[in-house]
Amino acid sequence: MAVGGKEAALPGWWRQIVSSQRREASRILAELMETRGIMPLLMKARNGQSWDAAEKAQLLAHLRRMAHLSPYLIALLLPGSVLFLPIYAWWLDRRRLRRGD
């Protein structure tokens, strides 16, 4: 984020926010890179060809991968989504299920 050691001067909570944002951004990018092969598969049906069993399984894997990303993308694309980030963080917090909140 900052250049020249300024990041070390930031408060600890801010560094934690920045590092978690970077981690999630890299995770989302990695997942999106995994779905690169979906377009040729989708165009195969559009061009009148049929999918074999392996291609259907691959297409389902791509769709599942994108379904796991959809809450992230929806929250980022909606107008005013920044206002919903605390609610979104609560919803994503898996620990609350164990605590019973």
PDB file of N, CA and C in Angstrom:
ATOM      1  N   MET A   1       0.829  -1.189   0.000  1.00  0.00           N
ATOM      2  CA  MET A   1       0.000   0.000   0.000  1.00  0.00           C
ATOM      3  C   MET A   1       0.865   1.241   0.000  1.00  0.00           C
ATOM      4  N   ALA A   2       1.604   1.481   1.060  1.00  0.00           N
ATOM      5  CA  ALA A   2       2.412   2.680   1.158  1.00  0.00           C
ATOM      6  C   ALA A   2       3.837   2.378   0.735  1.00  0.00           C
ATOM      7  N   VAL A   3       4.547   3.429   0.360  1.00  0.00           N
ATOM      8  CA  VAL A   3       5.904   3.296  -0.139  1.00  0.00           C
ATOM      9  C   VAL A   3       6.871   3.841   0.904  1.00  0.00           C
ATOM     10  N   GLY A   4       8.034   3.230   1.005  1.00  0.00           N
ATOM     11  CA  GLY A   4       9.076   3.767   1.857  1.00  0.00           C
ATOM     12  C   GLY A   4       8.875   3.501   3.341  1.00  0.00           C
ATOM     13  N   GLY A   5       8.242   2.382   3.711  1.00  0.00           N
ATOM     14  CA  GLY A   5       8.087   2.052   5.112  1.00  0.00           C
ATOM     15  C   GLY A   5       6.959   2.776   5.814  1.00  0.00           C
ATOM     16  N   LYS A   6       6.164   3.507   5.096  1.00  0.00           N
ATOM     17  CA  LYS A   6       5.043   4.214   5.723  1.00  0.00           C
ATOM     18  C   LYS A   6       3.974   3.242   6.200  1.00  0.00           C
ATOM     19  N   GLU A   7       3.933   2.063   5.586  1.00  0.00           N
ATOM     20  CA  GLU A   7       2.923   1.077   5.988  1.00  0.00           C
ATOM     21  C   GLU A   7       3.162   0.628   7.425  1.00  0.00           C
ATOM     22  N   ALA A   8       4.411   0.576   7.844  1.00  0.00           N
ATOM     23  CA  ALA A   8       4.718   0.180   9.213  1.00  0.00           C
ATOM     24  C   ALA A   8       4.234   1.218  10.220  1.00  0.00           C
ATOM     25  N   ALA A   9       4.079   2.477   9.783  1.00  0.00           N
ATOM     26  CA  ALA A   9       3.624   3.532  10.678  1.00  0.00           C
ATOM     27  C   ALA A   9       2.106   3.554  10.835  1.00  0.00           C
ATOM     28  N   LEU A  10       1.400   2.779  10.034  1.00  0.00           N
ATOM     29  CA  LEU A  10      -0.061   2.732  10.125  1.00  0.00           C
ATOM     30  C   LEU A  10      -0.479   1.973  11.376  1.00  0.00           C
ATOM     31  N   PRO A  11      -1.652   2.291  11.909  1.00  0.00           N
ATOM     32  CA  PRO A  11      -2.151   1.539  13.072  1.00  0.00           C
ATOM     33  C   PRO A  11      -2.335   0.062  12.728  1.00  0.00           C
ATOM     34  N   GLY A  12      -2.252  -0.768  13.738  1.00  0.00           N
ATOM     35  CA  GLY A  12      -2.362  -2.206  13.538  1.00  0.00           C
ATOM     36  C   GLY A  12      -3.681  -2.637  12.932  1.00  0.00           C
ATOM     37  N   TRP A  13      -4.768  -2.024  13.356  1.00  0.00           N
ATOM     38  CA  TRP A  13      -6.076  -2.401  12.818  1.00  0.00           C
ATOM     39  C   TRP A  13      -6.176  -2.061  11.344  1.00  0.00           C
ATOM     40  N   TRP A  14      -5.529  -0.972  10.923  1.00  0.00           N
ATOM     41  CA  TRP A  14      -5.575  -0.575   9.510  1.00  0.00           C
ATOM     42  C   TRP A  14      -4.741  -1.547   8.670  1.00  0.00           C
ATOM     43  N   ARG A  15      -3.573  -1.942   9.186  1.00  0.00           N
ATOM     44  CA  ARG A  15      -2.749  -2.921   8.474  1.00  0.00           C
ATOM     45  C   ARG A  15      -3.500  -4.238   8.324  1.00  0.00           C
ATOM     46  N   GLN A  16      -4.253  -4.613   9.343  1.00  0.00           N
ATOM     47  CA  GLN A  16      -5.027  -5.848   9.282  1.00  0.00           C
ATOM     48  C   GLN A  16      -6.119  -5.755   8.216  1.00  0.00           C
ATOM     49  N   ILE A  17      -6.772  -4.620   8.129  1.00  0.00           N
ATOM     50  CA  ILE A  17      -7.803  -4.419   7.101  1.00  0.00           C
ATOM     51  C   ILE A  17      -7.190  -4.496   5.710  1.00  0.00           C
ATOM     52  N   VAL A  18      -6.066  -3.817   5.525  1.00  0.00           N
ATOM     53  CA  VAL A  18      -5.405  -3.810   4.218  1.00  0.00           C
ATOM     54  C   VAL A  18      -4.927  -5.209   3.839  1.00  0.00           C
ATOM     55  N   SER A  19      -4.343  -5.927   4.787  1.00  0.00           N
ATOM     56  CA  SER A  19      -3.855  -7.268   4.466  1.00  0.00           C
ATOM     57  C   SER A  19      -5.005  -8.220   4.156  1.00  0.00           C
ATOM     58  N   SER A  20      -6.121  -8.110   4.871  1.00  0.00           N
ATOM     59  CA  SER A  20      -7.254  -8.987   4.569  1.00  0.00           C
ATOM     60  C   SER A  20      -7.872  -8.630   3.224  1.00  0.00           C
ATOM     61  N   GLN A  21      -7.895  -7.348   2.887  1.00  0.00           N
ATOM     62  CA  GLN A  21      -8.407  -6.934   1.581  1.00  0.00           C
ATOM     63  C   GLN A  21      -7.520  -7.481   0.467  1.00  0.00           C
ATOM     64  N   ARG A  22      -6.221  -7.408   0.639  1.00  0.00           N
ATOM     65  CA  ARG A  22      -5.296  -7.945  -0.371  1.00  0.00           C
ATOM     66  C   ARG A  22      -5.452  -9.448  -0.506  1.00  0.00           C
ATOM     67  N   ARG A  23      -5.600 -10.134   0.616  1.00  0.00           N
ATOM     68  CA  ARG A  23      -5.759 -11.582   0.590  1.00  0.00           C
ATOM     69  C   ARG A  23      -7.021 -11.974  -0.167  1.00  0.00           C
ATOM     70  N   GLU A  24      -8.121 -11.313   0.123  1.00  0.00           N
ATOM     71  CA  GLU A  24      -9.382 -11.641  -0.550  1.00  0.00           C
ATOM     72  C   GLU A  24      -9.345 -11.261  -2.024  1.00  0.00           C
ATOM     73  N   ALA A  25      -8.706 -10.143  -2.343  1.00  0.00           N
ATOM     74  CA  ALA A  25      -8.586  -9.742  -3.750  1.00  0.00           C
ATOM     75  C   ALA A  25      -7.778 -10.767  -4.531  1.00  0.00           C
ATOM     76  N   SER A  26      -6.704 -11.263  -3.947  1.00  0.00           N
ATOM     77  CA  SER A  26      -5.907 -12.266  -4.655  1.00  0.00           C
ATOM     78  C   SER A  26      -6.670 -13.584  -4.771  1.00  0.00           C
ATOM     79  N   ARG A  27      -7.480 -13.914  -3.771  1.00  0.00           N
ATOM     80  CA  ARG A  27      -8.291 -15.125  -3.844  1.00  0.00           C
ATOM     81  C   ARG A  27      -9.344 -15.024  -4.943  1.00  0.00           C
ATOM     82  N   ILE A  28      -9.995 -13.877  -5.023  1.00  0.00           N
ATOM     83  CA  ILE A  28     -11.008 -13.674  -6.060  1.00  0.00           C
ATOM     84  C   ILE A  28     -10.369 -13.714  -7.445  1.00  0.00           C
ATOM     85  N   LEU A  29      -9.216 -13.073  -7.589  1.00  0.00           N
ATOM     86  CA  LEU A  29      -8.522 -13.079  -8.872  1.00  0.00           C
ATOM     87  C   LEU A  29      -8.112 -14.497  -9.264  1.00  0.00           C
ATOM     88  N   ALA A  30      -7.627 -15.279  -8.304  1.00  0.00           N
ATOM     89  CA  ALA A  30      -7.253 -16.657  -8.600  1.00  0.00           C
ATOM     90  C   ALA A  30      -8.463 -17.481  -9.028  1.00  0.00           C
ATOM     91  N   GLU A  31      -9.584 -17.280  -8.362  1.00  0.00           N
ATOM     92  CA  GLU A  31     -10.803 -18.005  -8.749  1.00  0.00           C
ATOM     93  C   GLU A  31     -11.278 -17.591 -10.141  1.00  0.00           C
ATOM     94  N   LEU A  32     -11.194 -16.309 -10.441  1.00  0.00           N
ATOM     95  CA  LEU A  32     -11.611 -15.854 -11.768  1.00  0.00           C
ATOM     96  C   LEU A  32     -10.673 -16.381 -12.851  1.00  0.00           C
ATOM     97  N   MET A  33      -9.398 -16.488 -12.545  1.00  0.00           N
ATOM     98  CA  MET A  33      -8.454 -17.030 -13.516  1.00  0.00           C
ATOM     99  C   MET A  33      -8.727 -18.512 -13.774  1.00  0.00           C
ATOM    100  N   GLU A  34      -9.245 -19.214 -12.779  1.00  0.00           N
ATOM    101  CA  GLU A  34      -9.586 -20.625 -12.953  1.00  0.00           C
ATOM    102  C   GLU A  34     -10.768 -20.805 -13.897  1.00  0.00           C
ATOM    103  N   THR A  35     -11.602 -19.805 -14.043  1.00  0.00           N
ATOM    104  CA  THR A  35     -12.791 -19.923 -14.892  1.00  0.00           C
ATOM    105  C   THR A  35     -12.544 -19.423 -16.311  1.00  0.00           C
ATOM    106  N   ARG A  36     -11.287 -19.237 -16.677  1.00  0.00           N
ATOM    107  CA  ARG A  36     -10.988 -18.749 -18.022  1.00  0.00           C
ATOM    108  C   ARG A  36     -11.510 -19.670 -19.114  1.00  0.00           C
ATOM    109  N   GLY A  37     -11.539 -20.959 -18.882  1.00  0.00           N
ATOM    110  CA  GLY A  37     -11.936 -21.904 -19.913  1.00  0.00           C
ATOM    111  C   GLY A  37     -13.429 -22.057 -20.111  1.00  0.00           C
ATOM    112  N   ILE A  38     -14.217 -21.258 -19.437  1.00  0.00           N
ATOM    113  CA  ILE A  38     -15.671 -21.426 -19.541  1.00  0.00           C
ATOM    114  C   ILE A  38     -16.221 -20.918 -20.882  1.00  0.00           C
ATOM    115  N   MET A  39     -15.647 -19.889 -21.424  1.00  0.00           N
ATOM    116  CA  MET A  39     -16.197 -19.326 -22.662  1.00  0.00           C
ATOM    117  C   MET A  39     -16.119 -20.292 -23.846  1.00  0.00           C
ATOM    118  N   PRO A  40     -14.996 -20.964 -24.084  1.00  0.00           N
ATOM    119  CA  PRO A  40     -15.011 -21.944 -25.181  1.00  0.00           C
ATOM    120  C   PRO A  40     -16.037 -23.054 -24.964  1.00  0.00           C
ATOM    121  N   LEU A  41     -16.227 -23.456 -23.709  1.00  0.00           N
ATOM    122  CA  LEU A  41     -17.240 -24.485 -23.438  1.00  0.00           C
ATOM    123  C   LEU A  41     -18.644 -23.978 -23.739  1.00  0.00           C
ATOM    124  N   LEU A  42     -18.938 -22.765 -23.314  1.00  0.00           N
ATOM    125  CA  LEU A  42     -20.265 -22.207 -23.569  1.00  0.00           C
ATOM    126  C   LEU A  42     -20.494 -21.983 -25.066  1.00  0.00           C
ATOM    127  N   MET A  43     -19.477 -21.562 -25.777  1.00  0.00           N
ATOM    128  CA  MET A  43     -19.621 -21.302 -27.208  1.00  0.00           C
ATOM    129  C   MET A  43     -19.769 -22.595 -28.003  1.00  0.00           C
ATOM    130  N   LYS A  44     -19.310 -23.687 -27.459  1.00  0.00           N
ATOM    131  CA  LYS A  44     -19.457 -24.965 -28.149  1.00  0.00           C
ATOM    132  C   LYS A  44     -20.941 -25.291 -28.344  1.00  0.00           C
ATOM    133  N   ALA A  45     -21.740 -25.100 -27.312  1.00  0.00           N
ATOM    134  CA  ALA A  45     -23.184 -25.343 -27.441  1.00  0.00           C
ATOM    135  C   ALA A  45     -23.831 -24.302 -28.346  1.00  0.00           C
ATOM    136  N   ARG A  46     -23.353 -23.095 -28.276  1.00  0.00           N
ATOM    137  CA  ARG A  46     -23.898 -22.025 -29.120  1.00  0.00           C
ATOM    138  C   ARG A  46     -23.644 -22.302 -30.594  1.00  0.00           C
ATOM    139  N   ASN A  47     -22.515 -22.948 -30.885  1.00  0.00           N
ATOM    140  CA  ASN A  47     -22.158 -23.252 -32.275  1.00  0.00           C
ATOM    141  C   ASN A  47     -22.749 -24.559 -32.782  1.00  0.00           C
ATOM    142  N   GLY A  48     -23.651 -25.146 -32.014  1.00  0.00           N
ATOM    143  CA  GLY A  48     -24.354 -26.334 -32.475  1.00  0.00           C
ATOM    144  C   GLY A  48     -23.689 -27.647 -32.109  1.00  0.00           C
ATOM    145  N   GLN A  49     -22.609 -27.612 -31.386  1.00  0.00           N
ATOM    146  CA  GLN A  49     -21.947 -28.847 -30.962  1.00  0.00           C
ATOM    147  C   GLN A  49     -22.499 -29.258 -29.610  1.00  0.00           C
ATOM    148  N   SER A  50     -22.264 -30.510 -29.239  1.00  0.00           N
ATOM    149  CA  SER A  50     -22.759 -30.966 -27.936  1.00  0.00           C
ATOM    150  C   SER A  50     -21.582 -31.199 -26.998  1.00  0.00           C
ATOM    151  N   TRP A  51     -21.877 -31.168 -25.710  1.00  0.00           N
ATOM    152  CA  TRP A  51     -20.859 -31.393 -24.688  1.00  0.00           C
ATOM    153  C   TRP A  51     -20.782 -32.882 -24.376  1.00  0.00           C
ATOM    154  N   ASP A  52     -19.577 -33.366 -24.149  1.00  0.00           N
ATOM    155  CA  ASP A  52     -19.440 -34.738 -23.654  1.00  0.00           C
ATOM    156  C   ASP A  52     -19.486 -34.708 -22.124  1.00  0.00           C
ATOM    157  N   ALA A  53     -19.389 -35.852 -21.493  1.00  0.00           N
ATOM    158  CA  ALA A  53     -19.544 -35.938 -20.040  1.00  0.00           C
ATOM    159  C   ALA A  53     -18.444 -35.162 -19.310  1.00  0.00           C
ATOM    160  N   ALA A  54     -17.213 -35.227 -19.816  1.00  0.00           N
ATOM    161  CA  ALA A  54     -16.103 -34.517 -19.169  1.00  0.00           C
ATOM    162  C   ALA A  54     -16.301 -33.000 -19.268  1.00  0.00           C
ATOM    163  N   GLU A  55     -16.796 -32.538 -20.398  1.00  0.00           N
ATOM    164  CA  GLU A  55     -17.031 -31.102 -20.562  1.00  0.00           C
ATOM    165  C   GLU A  55     -18.180 -30.624 -19.678  1.00  0.00           C
ATOM    166  N   LYS A  56     -19.195 -31.445 -19.524  1.00  0.00           N
ATOM    167  CA  LYS A  56     -20.292 -31.084 -18.624  1.00  0.00           C
ATOM    168  C   LYS A  56     -19.803 -30.969 -17.184  1.00  0.00           C
ATOM    169  N   ALA A  57     -18.949 -31.901 -16.776  1.00  0.00           N
ATOM    170  CA  ALA A  57     -18.389 -31.845 -15.420  1.00  0.00           C
ATOM    171  C   ALA A  57     -17.520 -30.599 -15.246  1.00  0.00           C
ATOM    172  N   GLN A  58     -16.754 -30.274 -16.264  1.00  0.00           N
ATOM    173  CA  GLN A  58     -15.908 -29.083 -16.209  1.00  0.00           C
ATOM    174  C   GLN A  58     -16.765 -27.817 -16.156  1.00  0.00           C
ATOM    175  N   LEU A  59     -17.835 -27.786 -16.917  1.00  0.00           N
ATOM    176  CA  LEU A  59     -18.738 -26.640 -16.904  1.00  0.00           C
ATOM    177  C   LEU A  59     -19.410 -26.480 -15.541  1.00  0.00           C
ATOM    178  N   LEU A  60     -19.831 -27.570 -14.937  1.00  0.00           N
ATOM    179  CA  LEU A  60     -20.412 -27.506 -13.596  1.00  0.00           C
ATOM    180  C   LEU A  60     -19.404 -27.006 -12.568  1.00  0.00           C
ATOM    181  N   ALA A  61     -18.154 -27.430 -12.700  1.00  0.00           N
ATOM    182  CA  ALA A  61     -17.112 -26.966 -11.775  1.00  0.00           C
ATOM    183  C   ALA A  61     -16.903 -25.464 -11.916  1.00  0.00           C
ATOM    184  N   HIS A  62     -16.911 -24.972 -13.146  1.00  0.00           N
ATOM    185  CA  HIS A  62     -16.776 -23.524 -13.375  1.00  0.00           C
ATOM    186  C   HIS A  62     -17.950 -22.760 -12.769  1.00  0.00           C
ATOM    187  N   LEU A  63     -19.147 -23.260 -12.973  1.00  0.00           N
ATOM    188  CA  LEU A  63     -20.333 -22.584 -12.451  1.00  0.00           C
ATOM    189  C   LEU A  63     -20.354 -22.588 -10.926  1.00  0.00           C
ATOM    190  N   ARG A  64     -19.926 -23.678 -10.320  1.00  0.00           N
ATOM    191  CA  ARG A  64     -19.842 -23.714  -8.850  1.00  0.00           C
ATOM    192  C   ARG A  64     -18.818 -22.713  -8.336  1.00  0.00           C
ATOM    193  N   ARG A  65     -17.685 -22.628  -9.033  1.00  0.00           N
ATOM    194  CA  ARG A  65     -16.641 -21.696  -8.643  1.00  0.00           C
ATOM    195  C   ARG A  65     -17.168 -20.257  -8.707  1.00  0.00           C
ATOM    196  N   MET A  66     -17.909 -19.940  -9.743  1.00  0.00           N
ATOM    197  CA  MET A  66     -18.458 -18.591  -9.883  1.00  0.00           C
ATOM    198  C   MET A  66     -19.578 -18.344  -8.883  1.00  0.00           C
ATOM    199  N   ALA A  67     -20.325 -19.379  -8.534  1.00  0.00           N
ATOM    200  CA  ALA A  67     -21.400 -19.201  -7.555  1.00  0.00           C
ATOM    201  C   ALA A  67     -20.847 -18.845  -6.185  1.00  0.00           C
ATOM    202  N   HIS A  68     -19.671 -19.371  -5.870  1.00  0.00           N
ATOM    203  CA  HIS A  68     -19.050 -19.022  -4.587  1.00  0.00           C
ATOM    204  C   HIS A  68     -18.553 -17.581  -4.583  1.00  0.00           C
ATOM    205  N   LEU A  69     -18.285 -17.036  -5.744  1.00  0.00           N
ATOM    206  CA  LEU A  69     -17.815 -15.651  -5.840  1.00  0.00           C
ATOM    207  C   LEU A  69     -18.945 -14.648  -5.952  1.00  0.00           C
ATOM    208  N   SER A  70     -20.131 -15.080  -6.299  1.00  0.00           N
ATOM    209  CA  SER A  70     -21.216 -14.145  -6.565  1.00  0.00           C
ATOM    210  C   SER A  70     -21.552 -13.228  -5.397  1.00  0.00           C
ATOM    211  N   PRO A  71     -21.526 -13.672  -4.135  1.00  0.00           N
ATOM    212  CA  PRO A  71     -21.800 -12.699  -3.066  1.00  0.00           C
ATOM    213  C   PRO A  71     -20.777 -11.562  -3.022  1.00  0.00           C
ATOM    214  N   TYR A  72     -19.517 -11.893  -3.291  1.00  0.00           N
ATOM    215  CA  TYR A  72     -18.494 -10.849  -3.335  1.00  0.00           C
ATOM    216  C   TYR A  72     -18.781  -9.855  -4.441  1.00  0.00           C
ATOM    217  N   LEU A  73     -19.060 -10.382  -5.615  1.00  0.00           N
ATOM    218  CA  LEU A  73     -19.237  -9.509  -6.769  1.00  0.00           C
ATOM    219  C   LEU A  73     -20.510  -8.683  -6.662  1.00  0.00           C
ATOM    220  N   ILE A  74     -21.567  -9.255  -6.145  1.00  0.00           N
ATOM    221  CA  ILE A  74     -22.812  -8.508  -5.985  1.00  0.00           C
ATOM    222  C   ILE A  74     -22.613  -7.366  -4.993  1.00  0.00           C
ATOM    223  N   ALA A  75     -21.938  -7.658  -3.902  1.00  0.00           N
ATOM    224  CA  ALA A  75     -21.722  -6.623  -2.888  1.00  0.00           C
ATOM    225  C   ALA A  75     -20.841  -5.494  -3.417  1.00  0.00           C
ATOM    226  N   LEU A  76     -19.969  -5.793  -4.337  1.00  0.00           N
ATOM    227  CA  LEU A  76     -19.100  -4.756  -4.871  1.00  0.00           C
ATOM    228  C   LEU A  76     -19.745  -3.962  -6.000  1.00  0.00           C
ATOM    229  N   LEU A  77     -20.706  -4.546  -6.692  1.00  0.00           N
ATOM    230  CA  LEU A  77     -21.280  -3.891  -7.855  1.00  0.00           C
ATOM    231  C   LEU A  77     -22.531  -3.071  -7.555  1.00  0.00           C
ATOM    232  N   LEU A  78     -23.199  -3.352  -6.454  1.00  0.00           N
ATOM    233  CA  LEU A  78     -24.429  -2.625  -6.146  1.00  0.00           C
ATOM    234  C   LEU A  78     -24.146  -1.181  -5.756  1.00  0.00           C
ATOM    235  N   PRO A  79     -24.994  -0.254  -6.173  1.00  0.00           N
ATOM    236  CA  PRO A  79     -24.824   1.128  -5.718  1.00  0.00           C
ATOM    237  C   PRO A  79     -25.025   1.205  -4.205  1.00  0.00           C
ATOM    238  N   GLY A  80     -24.155   1.902  -3.549  1.00  0.00           N
ATOM    239  CA  GLY A  80     -24.241   2.037  -2.106  1.00  0.00           C
ATOM    240  C   GLY A  80     -23.775   0.808  -1.359  1.00  0.00           C
ATOM    241  N   SER A  81     -23.049  -0.076  -2.046  1.00  0.00           N
ATOM    242  CA  SER A  81     -22.650  -1.329  -1.413  1.00  0.00           C
ATOM    243  C   SER A  81     -21.686  -1.117  -0.254  1.00  0.00           C
ATOM    244  N   VAL A  82     -20.987  -0.002  -0.242  1.00  0.00           N
ATOM    245  CA  VAL A  82     -20.070   0.276   0.857  1.00  0.00           C
ATOM    246  C   VAL A  82     -20.837   0.389   2.170  1.00  0.00           C
ATOM    247  N   LEU A  83     -22.059   0.875   2.094  1.00  0.00           N
ATOM    248  CA  LEU A  83     -22.872   1.006   3.298  1.00  0.00           C
ATOM    249  C   LEU A  83     -23.288  -0.356   3.867  1.00  0.00           C
ATOM    250  N   PHE A  84     -23.311  -1.358   3.010  1.00  0.00           N
ATOM    251  CA  PHE A  84     -23.725  -2.690   3.450  1.00  0.00           C
ATOM    252  C   PHE A  84     -22.554  -3.564   3.878  1.00  0.00           C
ATOM    253  N   LEU A  85     -21.334  -3.066   3.811  1.00  0.00           N
ATOM    254  CA  LEU A  85     -20.181  -3.887   4.150  1.00  0.00           C
ATOM    255  C   LEU A  85     -20.225  -4.444   5.572  1.00  0.00           C
ATOM    256  N   PRO A  86     -20.630  -3.682   6.586  1.00  0.00           N
ATOM    257  CA  PRO A  86     -20.699  -4.296   7.922  1.00  0.00           C
ATOM    258  C   PRO A  86     -21.704  -5.450   7.997  1.00  0.00           C
ATOM    259  N   ILE A  87     -22.828  -5.330   7.333  1.00  0.00           N
ATOM    260  CA  ILE A  87     -23.815  -6.412   7.305  1.00  0.00           C
ATOM    261  C   ILE A  87     -23.258  -7.605   6.539  1.00  0.00           C
ATOM    262  N   TYR A  88     -22.593  -7.310   5.457  1.00  0.00           N
ATOM    263  CA  TYR A  88     -21.981  -8.359   4.644  1.00  0.00           C
ATOM    264  C   TYR A  88     -20.892  -9.097   5.428  1.00  0.00           C
ATOM    265  N   ALA A  89     -20.092  -8.370   6.171  1.00  0.00           N
ATOM    266  CA  ALA A  89     -19.050  -8.996   6.997  1.00  0.00           C
ATOM    267  C   ALA A  89     -19.681  -9.889   8.059  1.00  0.00           C
ATOM    268  N   TRP A  90     -20.768  -9.447   8.656  1.00  0.00           N
ATOM    269  CA  TRP A  90     -21.467 -10.260   9.639  1.00  0.00           C
ATOM    270  C   TRP A  90     -21.994 -11.540   8.989  1.00  0.00           C
ATOM    271  N   TRP A  91     -22.554 -11.411   7.807  1.00  0.00           N
ATOM    272  CA  TRP A  91     -23.130 -12.551   7.111  1.00  0.00           C
ATOM    273  C   TRP A  91     -22.051 -13.569   6.737  1.00  0.00           C
ATOM    274  N   LEU A  92     -20.875 -13.095   6.356  1.00  0.00           N
ATOM    275  CA  LEU A  92     -19.801 -13.988   5.966  1.00  0.00           C
ATOM    276  C   LEU A  92     -19.074 -14.608   7.148  1.00  0.00           C
ATOM    277  N   ASP A  93     -19.246 -14.057   8.316  1.00  0.00           N
ATOM    278  CA  ASP A  93     -18.533 -14.543   9.488  1.00  0.00           C
ATOM    279  C   ASP A  93     -19.047 -15.928   9.868  1.00  0.00           C
ATOM    280  N   ARG A  94     -18.289 -16.936   9.543  1.00  0.00           N
ATOM    281  CA  ARG A  94     -18.696 -18.314   9.805  1.00  0.00           C
ATOM    282  C   ARG A  94     -18.661 -18.636  11.296  1.00  0.00           C
ATOM    283  N   ARG A  95     -17.887 -17.885  12.047  1.00  0.00           N
ATOM    284  CA  ARG A  95     -17.785 -18.156  13.476  1.00  0.00           C
ATOM    285  C   ARG A  95     -19.084 -17.858  14.194  1.00  0.00           C
ATOM    286  N   ARG A  96     -19.899 -16.946  13.669  1.00  0.00           N
ATOM    287  CA  ARG A  96     -21.151 -16.617  14.348  1.00  0.00           C
ATOM    288  C   ARG A  96     -22.089 -17.811  14.381  1.00  0.00           C
ATOM    289  N   LEU A  97     -21.945 -18.720  13.414  1.00  0.00           N
ATOM    290  CA  LEU A  97     -22.789 -19.913  13.416  1.00  0.00           C
ATOM    291  C   LEU A  97     -22.436 -20.823  14.577  1.00  0.00           C
ATOM    292  N   ARG A  98     -21.138 -20.899  14.896  1.00  0.00           N
ATOM    293  CA  ARG A  98     -20.726 -21.722  16.025  1.00  0.00           C
ATOM    294  C   ARG A  98     -21.087 -21.065  17.349  1.00  0.00           C
ATOM    295  N   ARG A  99     -21.073 -19.739  17.398  1.00  0.00           N
ATOM    296  CA  ARG A  99     -21.382 -19.030  18.627  1.00  0.00           C
ATOM    297  C   ARG A  99     -22.874 -18.976  18.887  1.00  0.00           C
ATOM    298  N   GLY A 100     -23.668 -19.078  17.815  1.00  0.00           N
ATOM    299  CA  GLY A 100     -25.102 -19.025  17.963  1.00  0.00           C
ATOM    300  C   GLY A 100     -25.653 -17.607  17.948  1.00  0.00           C
ATOM    301  N   ASP A 101     -24.894 -16.641  17.409  1.00  0.00           N
ATOM    302  CA  ASP A 101     -25.375 -15.245  17.323  1.00  0.00           C
ATOM    303  C   ASP A 101     -26.470 -15.107  16.301  1.00  0.00           C
TER     304      ASP A 101
END
